[in-house]
Amino acid sequence: MIVHIVLFKWQPDTSPETIDLVMSALRGMKGKVPEIIDLSCGNNLSELSQGFQNGLVVQVKDKAALDAYAKNALHQEIIQTLIKPILADKITVDYEVE
C-alpha cells in the first residue's frame, strides 16, 4: 500500500470558509475516485507546523493506483479550481507500507 501525504500552506488572506470548502471537496473524493482505499484530511493542530495549516492523507493500493489517482479528473478539478488559487506552499510525501 502507498500512503500519500500532502501538507498545505494557504495564502495569508484565505478565509476559513474557503479552506473548509477545500477540505470538504477533498473528503468528497472518497467513494468517487476508485483508487482511494482511505482518505482523511483536516486542520493542523501542531504548533510545530511551520505555517502548514491543513493535511491530507490518502491510501492507495500501489504506485499504479497513485499515478491514476493523481490524474483523476475530479482530483485535478479540485486542484485547479479550489487549491491552486489559494495555495502558498505544499509538501508531498509518498511512502510504501506493507
Protein backbone atom coordinates (compact mmCIF):
# COMPACT_ATOMS: atom_id res chain seq x y z
CA MET A 1 0.00 0.00 0.00
CA ILE A 2 1.10 3.57 -0.69
CA VAL A 3 0.42 6.40 1.76
CA HIS A 4 0.20 9.84 0.11
CA ILE A 5 0.52 12.83 2.46
CA VAL A 6 0.11 16.47 1.48
CA LEU A 7 0.58 19.45 3.81
CA PHE A 8 -0.95 22.73 2.67
CA LYS A 9 0.01 26.33 3.42
CA TRP A 10 -2.56 28.83 2.17
CA GLN A 11 -2.25 32.44 1.04
CA PRO A 12 -2.50 34.75 4.11
CA ASP A 13 -5.83 36.28 3.05
CA THR A 14 -7.59 32.92 2.60
CA SER A 15 -10.82 32.77 4.59
CA PRO A 16 -11.64 29.85 6.90
CA GLU A 17 -14.75 29.22 4.79
CA THR A 18 -12.64 28.78 1.66
CA ILE A 19 -10.34 26.35 3.46
CA ASP A 20 -13.39 24.42 4.71
CA LEU A 21 -14.64 24.21 1.12
CA VAL A 22 -11.30 22.70 0.01
CA MET A 23 -11.32 20.16 2.86
CA SER A 24 -14.91 19.20 2.07
CA ALA A 25 -14.10 18.74 -1.62
CA LEU A 26 -11.09 16.58 -0.77
CA ARG A 27 -13.17 14.43 1.59
CA GLY A 28 -15.74 14.09 -1.19
CA MET A 29 -13.25 12.22 -3.36
CA LYS A 30 -13.61 9.12 -1.14
CA GLY A 31 -16.07 6.83 -2.86
CA LYS A 32 -15.79 8.75 -6.14
CA VAL A 33 -12.13 8.16 -7.02
CA PRO A 34 -11.82 4.39 -7.37
CA GLU A 35 -8.13 4.17 -6.43
CA ILE A 36 -8.71 5.62 -2.95
CA ILE A 37 -8.74 2.98 -0.21
CA ASP A 38 -8.94 5.53 2.58
CA LEU A 39 -8.77 9.31 2.84
CA SER A 40 -8.67 11.79 5.70
CA CYS A 41 -7.92 15.49 5.90
CA GLY A 42 -8.25 18.30 8.35
CA ASN A 43 -6.82 21.24 10.22
CA ASN A 44 -3.27 21.03 11.55
CA LEU A 45 -3.26 21.27 15.36
CA SER A 46 0.53 21.14 15.80
CA GLU A 47 2.44 24.17 17.00
CA LEU A 48 5.43 22.80 15.05
CA SER A 49 3.66 23.16 11.71
CA GLN A 50 5.90 25.87 10.18
CA GLY A 51 2.75 27.53 8.83
CA PHE A 52 1.25 24.47 7.15
CA GLN A 53 -2.42 24.69 8.03
CA ASN A 54 -4.02 21.51 6.70
CA GLY A 55 -3.09 17.94 5.94
CA LEU A 56 -4.37 15.25 3.59
CA VAL A 57 -3.65 11.52 3.85
CA VAL A 58 -4.70 9.17 1.06
CA GLN A 59 -4.08 5.42 0.93
CA VAL A 60 -3.95 3.61 -2.41
CA LYS A 61 -3.03 0.06 -3.42
CA ASP A 62 0.25 0.66 -5.28
CA LYS A 63 2.27 3.07 -7.43
CA ALA A 64 -0.02 2.50 -10.43
CA ALA A 65 -3.04 3.44 -8.30
CA LEU A 66 -1.20 6.54 -7.04
CA ASP A 67 -0.50 7.60 -10.62
CA ALA A 68 -4.14 7.02 -11.60
CA TYR A 69 -5.35 8.99 -8.54
CA ALA A 70 -3.04 11.88 -9.47
CA LYS A 71 -4.55 12.03 -12.97
CA ASN A 72 -8.17 11.51 -11.93
CA ALA A 73 -10.47 14.20 -13.37
CA LEU A 74 -12.21 15.00 -10.05
CA HIS A 75 -8.86 15.25 -8.25
CA GLN A 76 -7.48 17.53 -10.96
CA GLU A 77 -10.61 19.71 -10.88
CA ILE A 78 -10.23 20.23 -7.12
CA ILE A 79 -6.55 21.11 -7.56
CA GLN A 80 -7.14 23.55 -10.41
CA THR A 81 -10.30 25.29 -9.19
CA LEU A 82 -10.02 25.21 -5.39
CA ILE A 83 -6.44 24.57 -4.29
CA LYS A 84 -4.16 26.38 -6.75
CA PRO A 85 -5.89 29.77 -6.45
CA ILE A 86 -5.17 29.91 -2.68
CA LEU A 87 -2.04 27.78 -2.33
CA ALA A 88 1.11 29.38 -0.92
CA ASP A 89 3.14 26.18 -0.48
CA LYS A 90 2.79 22.43 -0.09
CA ILE A 91 4.81 19.41 0.92
CA THR A 92 4.05 15.98 -0.51
CA VAL A 93 5.35 12.67 0.84
CA ASP A 94 4.55 9.25 -0.63
CA TYR A 95 5.75 6.07 1.03
CA GLU A 96 5.07 2.36 0.84
CA VAL A 97 3.77 0.30 3.75
CA GLU A 98 3.32 -3.43 3.99
